[in-house]
Amino acid sequence: QVQLVESGGGLVQAGDSLRLSCENGGRSFTNNAMGWFRQAPGKEREFVGAISWNGVSTVYADSVKDRFTISRDNAKNTVYLRMNNLTPRDTAVYYCAADQWAYRARPTMTERTYGTWGQGTQVTVSS
């Protein structure tokens, strides 16, 4: 059963913005930190950012800091990734994932921490 469903990807031009959504379609992850990762063609999947279960704490990769913002609406079981000032280097498949453990005080950047993954949404940024 698919539990995390990403949406909002697409083809945009450099400098544009996008907002990705990650909706929990099954079990609720309102008590779990949520992360965003991405995988560009020919590259390994990398951490983008994460948010704590209560939305108080966030952490970002240096490459997206000050451009990307993660938020969550637990009432809607949805996590968002707002991406501003996109560049071609941001082209990738973007995945959301849920922390395996509930109530972690601070979200982690470690991929193995996340146990449930969505199927990804493609973001393509043209120059």
PDB file of N, CA and C in Angstrom:
ATOM      1  N   GLN A   1       0.848  -1.186   0.000  1.00  0.00           N
ATOM      2  CA  GLN A   1       0.000   0.000   0.000  1.00  0.00           C
ATOM      3  C   GLN A   1       0.882   1.235   0.000  1.00  0.00           C
ATOM      4  N   VAL A   2       0.611   2.130  -0.951  1.00  0.00           N
ATOM      5  CA  VAL A   2       1.372   3.361  -1.038  1.00  0.00           C
ATOM      6  C   VAL A   2       0.948   4.272   0.092  1.00  0.00           C
ATOM      7  N   GLN A   3       1.911   4.740   0.864  1.00  0.00           N
ATOM      8  CA  GLN A   3       1.575   5.578   2.004  1.00  0.00           C
ATOM      9  C   GLN A   3       1.946   7.030   1.804  1.00  0.00           C
ATOM     10  N   LEU A   4       2.993   7.290   1.058  1.00  0.00           N
ATOM     11  CA  LEU A   4       3.434   8.655   0.818  1.00  0.00           C
ATOM     12  C   LEU A   4       3.353   8.943  -0.672  1.00  0.00           C
ATOM     13  N   VAL A   5       2.702  10.015  -1.014  1.00  0.00           N
ATOM     14  CA  VAL A   5       2.518  10.371  -2.409  1.00  0.00           C
ATOM     15  C   VAL A   5       2.980  11.804  -2.627  1.00  0.00           C
ATOM     16  N   GLU A   6       4.012  11.945  -3.457  1.00  0.00           N
ATOM     17  CA  GLU A   6       4.518  13.275  -3.783  1.00  0.00           C
ATOM     18  C   GLU A   6       3.787  13.828  -5.009  1.00  0.00           C
ATOM     19  N   SER A   7       3.681  15.136  -5.057  1.00  0.00           N
ATOM     20  CA  SER A   7       3.092  15.804  -6.216  1.00  0.00           C
ATOM     21  C   SER A   7       3.654  17.211  -6.316  1.00  0.00           C
ATOM     22  N   GLY A   8       3.406  17.841  -7.449  1.00  0.00           N
ATOM     23  CA  GLY A   8       3.821  19.231  -7.623  1.00  0.00           C
ATOM     24  C   GLY A   8       5.039  19.427  -8.496  1.00  0.00           C
ATOM     25  N   GLY A   9       5.662  18.338  -8.914  1.00  0.00           N
ATOM     26  CA  GLY A   9       6.821  18.473  -9.777  1.00  0.00           C
ATOM     27  C   GLY A   9       6.437  18.934 -11.171  1.00  0.00           C
ATOM     28  N   GLY A  10       7.448  19.231 -11.963  1.00  0.00           N
ATOM     29  CA  GLY A  10       7.186  19.657 -13.331  1.00  0.00           C
ATOM     30  C   GLY A  10       8.412  20.255 -13.978  1.00  0.00           C
ATOM     31  N   LEU A  11       8.193  20.846 -15.131  1.00  0.00           N
ATOM     32  CA  LEU A  11       9.257  21.502 -15.889  1.00  0.00           C
ATOM     33  C   LEU A  11       9.136  23.010 -15.702  1.00  0.00           C
ATOM     34  N   VAL A  12      10.202  23.614 -15.212  1.00  0.00           N
ATOM     35  CA  VAL A  12      10.211  25.053 -14.975  1.00  0.00           C
ATOM     36  C   VAL A  12      11.512  25.641 -15.507  1.00  0.00           C
ATOM     37  N   GLN A  13      11.574  26.952 -15.528  1.00  0.00           N
ATOM     38  CA  GLN A  13      12.789  27.626 -15.961  1.00  0.00           C
ATOM     39  C   GLN A  13      13.609  28.064 -14.751  1.00  0.00           C
ATOM     40  N   ALA A  14      14.879  28.267 -14.994  1.00  0.00           N
ATOM     41  CA  ALA A  14      15.757  28.745 -13.928  1.00  0.00           C
ATOM     42  C   ALA A  14      15.198  30.033 -13.336  1.00  0.00           C
ATOM     43  N   GLY A  15      15.226  30.092 -12.015  1.00  0.00           N
ATOM     44  CA  GLY A  15      14.685  31.251 -11.325  1.00  0.00           C
ATOM     45  C   GLY A  15      13.248  31.093 -10.877  1.00  0.00           C
ATOM     46  N   ASP A  16      12.565  30.104 -11.400  1.00  0.00           N
ATOM     47  CA  ASP A  16      11.171  29.857 -11.020  1.00  0.00           C
ATOM     48  C   ASP A  16      11.078  29.185  -9.660  1.00  0.00           C
ATOM     49  N   SER A  17       9.850  29.050  -9.206  1.00  0.00           N
ATOM     50  CA  SER A  17       9.568  28.394  -7.936  1.00  0.00           C
ATOM     51  C   SER A  17       8.590  27.249  -8.139  1.00  0.00           C
ATOM     52  N   LEU A  18       8.659  26.300  -7.231  1.00  0.00           N
ATOM     53  CA  LEU A  18       7.717  25.188  -7.206  1.00  0.00           C
ATOM     54  C   LEU A  18       7.422  24.851  -5.757  1.00  0.00           C
ATOM     55  N   ARG A  19       6.261  24.275  -5.533  1.00  0.00           N
ATOM     56  CA  ARG A  19       5.963  23.720  -4.220  1.00  0.00           C
ATOM     57  C   ARG A  19       5.564  22.269  -4.397  1.00  0.00           C
ATOM     58  N   LEU A  20       6.346  21.416  -3.767  1.00  0.00           N
ATOM     59  CA  LEU A  20       6.040  19.996  -3.755  1.00  0.00           C
ATOM     60  C   LEU A  20       5.211  19.668  -2.526  1.00  0.00           C
ATOM     61  N   SER A  21       4.364  18.678  -2.688  1.00  0.00           N
ATOM     62  CA  SER A  21       3.554  18.197  -1.575  1.00  0.00           C
ATOM     63  C   SER A  21       3.812  16.716  -1.379  1.00  0.00           C
ATOM     64  N   CYS A  22       3.702  16.295  -0.146  1.00  0.00           N
ATOM     65  CA  CYS A  22       3.833  14.889   0.198  1.00  0.00           C
ATOM     66  C   CYS A  22       2.661  14.551   1.107  1.00  0.00           C
ATOM     67  N   GLU A  23       1.763  13.773   0.580  1.00  0.00           N
ATOM     68  CA  GLU A  23       0.558  13.444   1.337  1.00  0.00           C
ATOM     69  C   GLU A  23       0.628  12.018   1.852  1.00  0.00           C
ATOM     70  N   ASN A  24       0.238  11.844   3.107  1.00  0.00           N
ATOM     71  CA  ASN A  24       0.180  10.521   3.706  1.00  0.00           C
ATOM     72  C   ASN A  24      -1.143   9.874   3.331  1.00  0.00           C
ATOM     73  N   GLY A  25      -1.043   8.841   2.508  1.00  0.00           N
ATOM     74  CA  GLY A  25      -2.261   8.200   2.064  1.00  0.00           C
ATOM     75  C   GLY A  25      -2.700   7.043   2.930  1.00  0.00           C
ATOM     76  N   GLY A  26      -1.829   6.625   3.856  1.00  0.00           N
ATOM     77  CA  GLY A  26      -2.176   5.474   4.674  1.00  0.00           C
ATOM     78  C   GLY A  26      -2.010   5.795   6.146  1.00  0.00           C
ATOM     79  N   ARG A  27      -1.071   5.093   6.750  1.00  0.00           N
ATOM     80  CA  ARG A  27      -0.793   5.331   8.163  1.00  0.00           C
ATOM     81  C   ARG A  27      -0.377   6.788   8.372  1.00  0.00           C
ATOM     82  N   SER A  28      -0.817   7.367   9.481  1.00  0.00           N
ATOM     83  CA  SER A  28      -0.480   8.741   9.789  1.00  0.00           C
ATOM     84  C   SER A  28       0.966   8.853  10.258  1.00  0.00           C
ATOM     85  N   PHE A  29       1.647   9.856   9.770  1.00  0.00           N
ATOM     86  CA  PHE A  29       3.015  10.143  10.198  1.00  0.00           C
ATOM     87  C   PHE A  29       3.092  11.487  10.915  1.00  0.00           C
ATOM     88  N   THR A  30       2.002  11.875  11.520  1.00  0.00           N
ATOM     89  CA  THR A  30       1.995  13.176  12.189  1.00  0.00           C
ATOM     90  C   THR A  30       2.953  13.224  13.377  1.00  0.00           C
ATOM     91  N   ASN A  31       3.359  12.076  13.892  1.00  0.00           N
ATOM     92  CA  ASN A  31       4.293  12.037  15.017  1.00  0.00           C
ATOM     93  C   ASN A  31       5.724  11.742  14.592  1.00  0.00           C
ATOM     94  N   ASN A  32       5.975  11.778  13.296  1.00  0.00           N
ATOM     95  CA  ASN A  32       7.286  11.445  12.766  1.00  0.00           C
ATOM     96  C   ASN A  32       7.890  12.622  12.012  1.00  0.00           C
ATOM     97  N   ALA A  33       9.191  12.759  12.159  1.00  0.00           N
ATOM     98  CA  ALA A  33       9.882  13.717  11.302  1.00  0.00           C
ATOM     99  C   ALA A  33       9.744  13.275   9.847  1.00  0.00           C
ATOM    100  N   MET A  34       9.764  14.255   8.953  1.00  0.00           N
ATOM    101  CA  MET A  34       9.640  13.976   7.537  1.00  0.00           C
ATOM    102  C   MET A  34      10.812  14.602   6.792  1.00  0.00           C
ATOM    103  N   GLY A  35      11.337  13.870   5.851  1.00  0.00           N
ATOM    104  CA  GLY A  35      12.462  14.369   5.082  1.00  0.00           C
ATOM    105  C   GLY A  35      12.177  14.427   3.601  1.00  0.00           C
ATOM    106  N   TRP A  36      12.936  15.264   2.929  1.00  0.00           N
ATOM    107  CA  TRP A  36      12.932  15.319   1.472  1.00  0.00           C
ATOM    108  C   TRP A  36      14.328  14.970   0.969  1.00  0.00           C
ATOM    109  N   PHE A  37      14.360  14.131  -0.031  1.00  0.00           N
ATOM    110  CA  PHE A  37      15.602  13.741  -0.676  1.00  0.00           C
ATOM    111  C   PHE A  37      15.430  13.924  -2.179  1.00  0.00           C
ATOM    112  N   ARG A  38      16.538  13.889  -2.903  1.00  0.00           N
ATOM    113  CA  ARG A  38      16.437  13.975  -4.349  1.00  0.00           C
ATOM    114  C   ARG A  38      17.534  13.139  -4.996  1.00  0.00           C
ATOM    115  N   GLN A  39      17.250  12.722  -6.208  1.00  0.00           N
ATOM    116  CA  GLN A  39      18.223  11.937  -6.954  1.00  0.00           C
ATOM    117  C   GLN A  39      18.269  12.444  -8.383  1.00  0.00           C
ATOM    118  N   ALA A  40      19.420  12.967  -8.742  1.00  0.00           N
ATOM    119  CA  ALA A  40      19.642  13.442 -10.104  1.00  0.00           C
ATOM    120  C   ALA A  40      20.116  12.278 -10.969  1.00  0.00           C
ATOM    121  N   PRO A  41      19.953  12.376 -12.258  1.00  0.00           N
ATOM    122  CA  PRO A  41      20.392  11.295 -13.151  1.00  0.00           C
ATOM    123  C   PRO A  41      21.873  10.977 -12.968  1.00  0.00           C
ATOM    124  N   GLY A  42      22.163   9.701 -12.780  1.00  0.00           N
ATOM    125  CA  GLY A  42      23.551   9.275 -12.641  1.00  0.00           C
ATOM    126  C   GLY A  42      24.186   9.562 -11.301  1.00  0.00           C
ATOM    127  N   LYS A  43      23.396  10.065 -10.361  1.00  0.00           N
ATOM    128  CA  LYS A  43      23.943  10.399  -9.050  1.00  0.00           C
ATOM    129  C   LYS A  43      23.204   9.658  -7.957  1.00  0.00           C
ATOM    130  N   GLU A  44      23.825   9.609  -6.795  1.00  0.00           N
ATOM    131  CA  GLU A  44      23.192   8.981  -5.656  1.00  0.00           C
ATOM    132  C   GLU A  44      22.129   9.909  -5.070  1.00  0.00           C
ATOM    133  N   ARG A  45      21.191   9.296  -4.382  1.00  0.00           N
ATOM    134  CA  ARG A  45      20.171  10.090  -3.723  1.00  0.00           C
ATOM    135  C   ARG A  45      20.823  10.926  -2.611  1.00  0.00           C
ATOM    136  N   GLU A  46      20.384  12.162  -2.474  1.00  0.00           N
ATOM    137  CA  GLU A  46      20.979  13.049  -1.479  1.00  0.00           C
ATOM    138  C   GLU A  46      19.897  13.722  -0.647  1.00  0.00           C
ATOM    139  N   PHE A  47      20.287  14.089   0.533  1.00  0.00           N
ATOM    140  CA  PHE A  47      19.394  14.770   1.472  1.00  0.00           C
ATOM    141  C   PHE A  47      19.132  16.192   1.006  1.00  0.00           C
ATOM    142  N   VAL A  48      17.886  16.625   1.144  1.00  0.00           N
ATOM    143  CA  VAL A  48      17.518  18.004   0.818  1.00  0.00           C
ATOM    144  C   VAL A  48      17.166  18.773   2.091  1.00  0.00           C
ATOM    145  N   GLY A  49      16.263  18.235   2.852  1.00  0.00           N
ATOM    146  CA  GLY A  49      15.844  18.897   4.079  1.00  0.00           C
ATOM    147  C   GLY A  49      14.886  18.024   4.853  1.00  0.00           C
ATOM    148  N   ALA A  50      14.633  18.406   6.092  1.00  0.00           N
ATOM    149  CA  ALA A  50      13.740  17.627   6.936  1.00  0.00           C
ATOM    150  C   ALA A  50      13.096  18.527   7.975  1.00  0.00           C
ATOM    151  N   ILE A  51      11.976  18.059   8.498  1.00  0.00           N
ATOM    152  CA  ILE A  51      11.229  18.817   9.487  1.00  0.00           C
ATOM    153  C   ILE A  51      10.830  17.887  10.619  1.00  0.00           C
ATOM    154  N   SER A  52      10.873  18.396  11.837  1.00  0.00           N
ATOM    155  CA  SER A  52      10.507  17.584  12.991  1.00  0.00           C
ATOM    156  C   SER A  52       9.008  17.297  12.983  1.00  0.00           C
ATOM    157  N   TRP A  53       8.618  16.375  13.839  1.00  0.00           N
ATOM    158  CA  TRP A  53       7.223  15.928  13.849  1.00  0.00           C
ATOM    159  C   TRP A  53       6.265  17.074  14.161  1.00  0.00           C
ATOM    160  N   ASN A  54       6.721  18.027  14.953  1.00  0.00           N
ATOM    161  CA  ASN A  54       5.829  19.124  15.349  1.00  0.00           C
ATOM    162  C   ASN A  54       6.087  20.399  14.542  1.00  0.00           C
ATOM    163  N   GLY A  55       7.003  20.320  13.580  1.00  0.00           N
ATOM    164  CA  GLY A  55       7.263  21.476  12.742  1.00  0.00           C
ATOM    165  C   GLY A  55       8.163  22.524  13.346  1.00  0.00           C
ATOM    166  N   VAL A  56       8.661  22.283  14.535  1.00  0.00           N
ATOM    167  CA  VAL A  56       9.463  23.291  15.235  1.00  0.00           C
ATOM    168  C   VAL A  56      10.875  23.369  14.683  1.00  0.00           C
ATOM    169  N   SER A  57      11.423  22.244  14.309  1.00  0.00           N
ATOM    170  CA  SER A  57      12.822  22.185  13.895  1.00  0.00           C
ATOM    171  C   SER A  57      12.938  21.753  12.444  1.00  0.00           C
ATOM    172  N   THR A  58      13.826  22.407  11.714  1.00  0.00           N
ATOM    173  CA  THR A  58      14.111  22.022  10.333  1.00  0.00           C
ATOM    174  C   THR A  58      15.620  21.985  10.120  1.00  0.00           C
ATOM    175  N   VAL A  59      16.018  21.248   9.132  1.00  0.00           N
ATOM    176  CA  VAL A  59      17.426  21.186   8.750  1.00  0.00           C
ATOM    177  C   VAL A  59      17.486  21.061   7.235  1.00  0.00           C
ATOM    178  N   TYR A  60      18.502  21.698   6.639  1.00  0.00           N
ATOM    179  CA  TYR A  60      18.610  21.721   5.179  1.00  0.00           C
ATOM    180  C   TYR A  60      20.033  21.410   4.730  1.00  0.00           C
ATOM    181  N   ALA A  61      20.126  20.879   3.544  1.00  0.00           N
ATOM    182  CA  ALA A  61      21.433  20.738   2.910  1.00  0.00           C
ATOM    183  C   ALA A  61      21.944  22.133   2.552  1.00  0.00           C
ATOM    184  N   ASP A  62      23.240  22.282   2.575  1.00  0.00           N
ATOM    185  CA  ASP A  62      23.829  23.587   2.272  1.00  0.00           C
ATOM    186  C   ASP A  62      23.442  24.061   0.869  1.00  0.00           C
ATOM    187  N   SER A  63      23.270  23.131  -0.036  1.00  0.00           N
ATOM    188  CA  SER A  63      22.987  23.493  -1.426  1.00  0.00           C
ATOM    189  C   SER A  63      21.614  24.125  -1.624  1.00  0.00           C
ATOM    190  N   VAL A  64      20.725  23.935  -0.664  1.00  0.00           N
ATOM    191  CA  VAL A  64      19.370  24.473  -0.822  1.00  0.00           C
ATOM    192  C   VAL A  64      19.006  25.467   0.267  1.00  0.00           C
ATOM    193  N   LYS A  65      19.881  25.594   1.242  1.00  0.00           N
ATOM    194  CA  LYS A  65      19.591  26.497   2.353  1.00  0.00           C
ATOM    195  C   LYS A  65      19.333  27.899   1.825  1.00  0.00           C
ATOM    196  N   ASP A  66      18.352  28.563   2.362  1.00  0.00           N
ATOM    197  CA  ASP A  66      17.940  29.925   1.987  1.00  0.00           C
ATOM    198  C   ASP A  66      17.137  29.972   0.700  1.00  0.00           C
ATOM    199  N   ARG A  67      16.990  28.818   0.025  1.00  0.00           N
ATOM    200  CA  ARG A  67      16.132  28.780  -1.169  1.00  0.00           C
ATOM    201  C   ARG A  67      14.916  27.878  -0.966  1.00  0.00           C
ATOM    202  N   PHE A  68      15.102  26.804  -0.191  1.00  0.00           N
ATOM    203  CA  PHE A  68      14.042  25.831   0.014  1.00  0.00           C
ATOM    204  C   PHE A  68      13.501  25.952   1.434  1.00  0.00           C
ATOM    205  N   THR A  69      12.219  25.694   1.571  1.00  0.00           N
ATOM    206  CA  THR A  69      11.582  25.729   2.881  1.00  0.00           C
ATOM    207  C   THR A  69      10.638  24.544   3.026  1.00  0.00           C
ATOM    208  N   ILE A  70      10.776  23.834   4.134  1.00  0.00           N
ATOM    209  CA  ILE A  70       9.895  22.717   4.436  1.00  0.00           C
ATOM    210  C   ILE A  70       8.883  23.158   5.483  1.00  0.00           C
ATOM    211  N   SER A  71       7.660  22.726   5.268  1.00  0.00           N
ATOM    212  CA  SER A  71       6.606  22.972   6.249  1.00  0.00           C
ATOM    213  C   SER A  71       5.698  21.756   6.286  1.00  0.00           C
ATOM    214  N   ARG A  72       4.834  21.723   7.272  1.00  0.00           N
ATOM    215  CA  ARG A  72       3.909  20.606   7.369  1.00  0.00           C
ATOM    216  C   ARG A  72       2.591  21.068   7.942  1.00  0.00           C
ATOM    217  N   ASP A  73       1.550  20.380   7.534  1.00  0.00           N
ATOM    218  CA  ASP A  73       0.210  20.611   8.063  1.00  0.00           C
ATOM    219  C   ASP A  73      -0.280  19.257   8.539  1.00  0.00           C
ATOM    220  N   ASN A  74      -0.125  19.007   9.823  1.00  0.00           N
ATOM    221  CA  ASN A  74      -0.493  17.688  10.352  1.00  0.00           C
ATOM    222  C   ASN A  74      -1.996  17.430  10.271  1.00  0.00           C
ATOM    223  N   ALA A  75      -2.771  18.460  10.278  1.00  0.00           N
ATOM    224  CA  ALA A  75      -4.215  18.273  10.138  1.00  0.00           C
ATOM    225  C   ALA A  75      -4.569  17.701   8.769  1.00  0.00           C
ATOM    226  N   LYS A  76      -3.718  17.989   7.791  1.00  0.00           N
ATOM    227  CA  LYS A  76      -3.938  17.486   6.432  1.00  0.00           C
ATOM    228  C   LYS A  76      -3.011  16.325   6.095  1.00  0.00           C
ATOM    229  N   ASN A  77      -2.206  15.919   7.077  1.00  0.00           N
ATOM    230  CA  ASN A  77      -1.235  14.830   6.843  1.00  0.00           C
ATOM    231  C   ASN A  77      -0.375  15.112   5.618  1.00  0.00           C
ATOM    232  N   THR A  78       0.075  16.329   5.493  1.00  0.00           N
ATOM    233  CA  THR A  78       0.811  16.736   4.307  1.00  0.00           C
ATOM    234  C   THR A  78       2.054  17.535   4.697  1.00  0.00           C
ATOM    235  N   VAL A  79       3.126  17.262   3.980  1.00  0.00           N
ATOM    236  CA  VAL A  79       4.375  17.988   4.139  1.00  0.00           C
ATOM    237  C   VAL A  79       4.671  18.677   2.816  1.00  0.00           C
ATOM    238  N   TYR A  80       5.248  19.872   2.911  1.00  0.00           N
ATOM    239  CA  TYR A  80       5.508  20.662   1.719  1.00  0.00           C
ATOM    240  C   TYR A  80       6.993  20.979   1.591  1.00  0.00           C
ATOM    241  N   LEU A  81       7.413  21.149   0.358  1.00  0.00           N
ATOM    242  CA  LEU A  81       8.763  21.632   0.076  1.00  0.00           C
ATOM    243  C   LEU A  81       8.629  22.788  -0.900  1.00  0.00           C
ATOM    244  N   ARG A  82       8.846  23.977  -0.395  1.00  0.00           N
ATOM    245  CA  ARG A  82       8.783  25.172  -1.234  1.00  0.00           C
ATOM    246  C   ARG A  82      10.177  25.425  -1.778  1.00  0.00           C
ATOM    247  N   MET A  83      10.305  25.508  -3.089  1.00  0.00           N
ATOM    248  CA  MET A  83      11.596  25.674  -3.735  1.00  0.00           C
ATOM    249  C   MET A  83      11.600  26.967  -4.534  1.00  0.00           C
ATOM    250  N   ASN A  84      12.474  27.869  -4.154  1.00  0.00           N
ATOM    251  CA  ASN A  84      12.594  29.151  -4.838  1.00  0.00           C
ATOM    252  C   ASN A  84      13.904  29.246  -5.598  1.00  0.00           C
ATOM    253  N   ASN A  85      13.934  30.128  -6.565  1.00  0.00           N
ATOM    254  CA  ASN A  85      15.162  30.394  -7.318  1.00  0.00           C
ATOM    255  C   ASN A  85      15.812  29.094  -7.807  1.00  0.00           C
ATOM    256  N   LEU A  86      15.032  28.298  -8.469  1.00  0.00           N
ATOM    257  CA  LEU A  86      15.515  26.999  -8.933  1.00  0.00           C
ATOM    258  C   LEU A  86      16.584  27.156 -10.009  1.00  0.00           C
ATOM    259  N   THR A  87      17.515  26.241 -10.003  1.00  0.00           N
ATOM    260  CA  THR A  87      18.579  26.195 -11.011  1.00  0.00           C
ATOM    261  C   THR A  87      18.585  24.818 -11.657  1.00  0.00           C
ATOM    262  N   PRO A  88      19.247  24.681 -12.798  1.00  0.00           N
ATOM    263  CA  PRO A  88      19.318  23.352 -13.426  1.00  0.00           C
ATOM    264  C   PRO A  88      19.910  22.287 -12.503  1.00  0.00           C
ATOM    265  N   ARG A  89      20.742  22.681 -11.561  1.00  0.00           N
ATOM    266  CA  ARG A  89      21.329  21.711 -10.626  1.00  0.00           C
ATOM    267  C   ARG A  89      20.284  21.112  -9.698  1.00  0.00           C
ATOM    268  N   ASP A  90      19.134  21.718  -9.631  1.00  0.00           N
ATOM    269  CA  ASP A  90      18.061  21.179  -8.797  1.00  0.00           C
ATOM    270  C   ASP A  90      17.244  20.123  -9.522  1.00  0.00           C
ATOM    271  N   THR A  91      17.548  19.881 -10.786  1.00  0.00           N
ATOM    272  CA  THR A  91      16.839  18.865 -11.547  1.00  0.00           C
ATOM    273  C   THR A  91      17.078  17.488 -10.937  1.00  0.00           C
ATOM    274  N   ALA A  92      15.993  16.811 -10.602  1.00  0.00           N
ATOM    275  CA  ALA A  92      16.096  15.511  -9.925  1.00  0.00           C
ATOM    276  C   ALA A  92      14.692  14.962  -9.701  1.00  0.00           C
ATOM    277  N   VAL A  93      14.654  13.718  -9.285  1.00  0.00           N
ATOM    278  CA  VAL A  93      13.423  13.155  -8.739  1.00  0.00           C
ATOM    279  C   VAL A  93      13.452  13.425  -7.244  1.00  0.00           C
ATOM    280  N   TYR A  94      12.393  14.011  -6.746  1.00  0.00           N
ATOM    281  CA  TYR A  94      12.301  14.382  -5.341  1.00  0.00           C
ATOM    282  C   TYR A  94      11.415  13.382  -4.596  1.00  0.00           C
ATOM    283  N   TYR A  95      11.941  12.919  -3.473  1.00  0.00           N
ATOM    284  CA  TYR A  95      11.244  11.928  -2.661  1.00  0.00           C
ATOM    285  C   TYR A  95      10.986  12.493  -1.269  1.00  0.00           C
ATOM    286  N   CYS A  96       9.833  12.161  -0.721  1.00  0.00           N
ATOM    287  CA  CYS A  96       9.628  12.425   0.700  1.00  0.00           C
ATOM    288  C   CYS A  96       9.716  11.093   1.441  1.00  0.00           C
ATOM    289  N   ALA A  97      10.033  11.189   2.712  1.00  0.00           N
ATOM    290  CA  ALA A  97      10.216   9.994   3.514  1.00  0.00           C
ATOM    291  C   ALA A  97       9.877  10.291   4.964  1.00  0.00           C
ATOM    292  N   ALA A  98       9.439   9.253   5.659  1.00  0.00           N
ATOM    293  CA  ALA A  98       9.054   9.387   7.058  1.00  0.00           C
ATOM    294  C   ALA A  98      10.081   8.715   7.954  1.00  0.00           C
ATOM    295  N   ASP A  99      10.443   9.390   9.025  1.00  0.00           N
ATOM    296  CA  ASP A  99      11.360   8.846  10.031  1.00  0.00           C
ATOM    297  C   ASP A  99      10.753   7.573  10.615  1.00  0.00           C
ATOM    298  N   GLN A 100      11.601   6.595  10.866  1.00  0.00           N
ATOM    299  CA  GLN A 100      11.124   5.340  11.435  1.00  0.00           C
ATOM    300  C   GLN A 100      10.645   5.496  12.874  1.00  0.00           C
ATOM    301  N   TRP A 101      11.186   6.501  13.561  1.00  0.00           N
ATOM    302  CA  TRP A 101      10.886   6.686  14.971  1.00  0.00           C
ATOM    303  C   TRP A 101      10.073   7.957  15.187  1.00  0.00           C
ATOM    304  N   ALA A 102       9.118   7.857  16.073  1.00  0.00           N
ATOM    305  CA  ALA A 102       8.256   8.988  16.385  1.00  0.00           C
ATOM    306  C   ALA A 102       8.910   9.904  17.412  1.00  0.00           C
ATOM    307  N   TYR A 103       8.511  11.155  17.364  1.00  0.00           N
ATOM    308  CA  TYR A 103       8.874  12.145  18.374  1.00  0.00           C
ATOM    309  C   TYR A 103      10.375  12.427  18.472  1.00  0.00           C
ATOM    310  N   ARG A 104      11.089  12.216  17.402  1.00  0.00           N
ATOM    311  CA  ARG A 104      12.504  12.588  17.413  1.00  0.00           C
ATOM    312  C   ARG A 104      12.576  14.104  17.542  1.00  0.00           C
ATOM    313  N   ALA A 105      13.377  14.595  18.469  1.00  0.00           N
ATOM    314  CA  ALA A 105      13.388  16.028  18.769  1.00  0.00           C
ATOM    315  C   ALA A 105      13.876  16.846  17.569  1.00  0.00           C
ATOM    316  N   ARG A 106      14.926  16.331  16.917  1.00  0.00           N
ATOM    317  CA  ARG A 106      15.465  17.055  15.772  1.00  0.00           C
ATOM    318  C   ARG A 106      15.524  16.118  14.579  1.00  0.00           C
ATOM    319  N   PRO A 107      15.103  16.567  13.427  1.00  0.00           N
ATOM    320  CA  PRO A 107      15.143  15.704  12.242  1.00  0.00           C
ATOM    321  C   PRO A 107      16.573  15.432  11.820  1.00  0.00           C
ATOM    322  N   THR A 108      16.791  14.286  11.218  1.00  0.00           N
ATOM    323  CA  THR A 108      18.147  13.920  10.821  1.00  0.00           C
ATOM    324  C   THR A 108      18.335  14.005   9.312  1.00  0.00           C
ATOM    325  N   MET A 109      19.583  14.022   8.922  1.00  0.00           N
ATOM    326  CA  MET A 109      19.946  14.049   7.504  1.00  0.00           C
ATOM    327  C   MET A 109      20.297  12.660   6.995  1.00  0.00           C
ATOM    328  N   THR A 110      20.242  11.686   7.873  1.00  0.00           N
ATOM    329  CA  THR A 110      20.700  10.340   7.551  1.00  0.00           C
ATOM    330  C   THR A 110      19.614   9.542   6.865  1.00  0.00           C
ATOM    331  N   GLU A 111      19.909   9.091   5.672  1.00  0.00           N
ATOM    332  CA  GLU A 111      18.891   8.413   4.869  1.00  0.00           C
ATOM    333  C   GLU A 111      18.356   7.165   5.546  1.00  0.00           C
ATOM    334  N   ARG A 112      19.200   6.411   6.223  1.00  0.00           N
ATOM    335  CA  ARG A 112      18.743   5.146   6.801  1.00  0.00           C
ATOM    336  C   ARG A 112      17.766   5.373   7.960  1.00  0.00           C
ATOM    337  N   THR A 113      17.690   6.601   8.433  1.00  0.00           N
ATOM    338  CA  THR A 113      16.734   6.932   9.486  1.00  0.00           C
ATOM    339  C   THR A 113      15.296   6.817   8.988  1.00  0.00           C
ATOM    340  N   TYR A 114      15.124   7.002   7.704  1.00  0.00           N
ATOM    341  CA  TYR A 114      13.794   7.090   7.122  1.00  0.00           C
ATOM    342  C   TYR A 114      13.367   5.732   6.577  1.00  0.00           C
ATOM    343  N   GLY A 115      12.195   5.298   7.027  1.00  0.00           N
ATOM    344  CA  GLY A 115      11.779   3.939   6.706  1.00  0.00           C
ATOM    345  C   GLY A 115      10.676   3.815   5.687  1.00  0.00           C
ATOM    346  N   THR A 116       9.946   4.881   5.454  1.00  0.00           N
ATOM    347  CA  THR A 116       8.853   4.848   4.493  1.00  0.00           C
ATOM    348  C   THR A 116       9.073   5.940   3.469  1.00  0.00           C
ATOM    349  N   TRP A 117       8.982   5.553   2.195  1.00  0.00           N
ATOM    350  CA  TRP A 117       9.312   6.476   1.112  1.00  0.00           C
ATOM    351  C   TRP A 117       8.169   6.572   0.113  1.00  0.00           C
ATOM    352  N   GLY A 118       8.086   7.738  -0.493  1.00  0.00           N
ATOM    353  CA  GLY A 118       7.179   7.896  -1.611  1.00  0.00           C
ATOM    354  C   GLY A 118       7.856   7.454  -2.899  1.00  0.00           C
ATOM    355  N   GLN A 119       7.124   7.554  -3.986  1.00  0.00           N
ATOM    356  CA  GLN A 119       7.629   7.098  -5.273  1.00  0.00           C
ATOM    357  C   GLN A 119       8.335   8.214  -6.045  1.00  0.00           C
ATOM    358  N   GLY A 120       8.249   9.419  -5.569  1.00  0.00           N
ATOM    359  CA  GLY A 120       8.994  10.511  -6.169  1.00  0.00           C
ATOM    360  C   GLY A 120       8.215  11.322  -7.178  1.00  0.00           C
ATOM    361  N   THR A 121       8.667  12.555  -7.350  1.00  0.00           N
ATOM    362  CA  THR A 121       8.092  13.433  -8.362  1.00  0.00           C
ATOM    363  C   THR A 121       9.238  14.134  -9.089  1.00  0.00           C
ATOM    364  N   GLN A 122       9.153  14.199 -10.389  1.00  0.00           N
ATOM    365  CA  GLN A 122      10.235  14.747 -11.198  1.00  0.00           C
ATOM    366  C   GLN A 122      10.186  16.268 -11.219  1.00  0.00           C
ATOM    367  N   VAL A 123      11.335  16.862 -10.980  1.00  0.00           N
ATOM    368  CA  VAL A 123      11.499  18.310 -11.119  1.00  0.00           C
ATOM    369  C   VAL A 123      12.588  18.544 -12.160  1.00  0.00           C
ATOM    370  N   THR A 124      12.266  19.269 -13.189  1.00  0.00           N
ATOM    371  CA  THR A 124      13.231  19.580 -14.237  1.00  0.00           C
ATOM    372  C   THR A 124      13.316  21.093 -14.395  1.00  0.00           C
ATOM    373  N   VAL A 125      14.538  21.599 -14.288  1.00  0.00           N
ATOM    374  CA  VAL A 125      14.752  23.036 -14.385  1.00  0.00           C
ATOM    375  C   VAL A 125      15.593  23.318 -15.627  1.00  0.00           C
ATOM    376  N   SER A 126      15.047  24.062 -16.537  1.00  0.00           N
ATOM    377  CA  SER A 126      15.769  24.398 -17.755  1.00  0.00           C
ATOM    378  C   SER A 126      16.479  25.737 -17.590  1.00  0.00           C
ATOM    379  N   SER A 127      17.584  25.865 -18.295  1.00  0.00           N
ATOM    380  CA  SER A 127      18.374  27.102 -18.188  1.00  0.00           C
ATOM    381  C   SER A 127      17.898  28.168 -19.150  1.00  0.00           C
TER     382      SER A 127
END
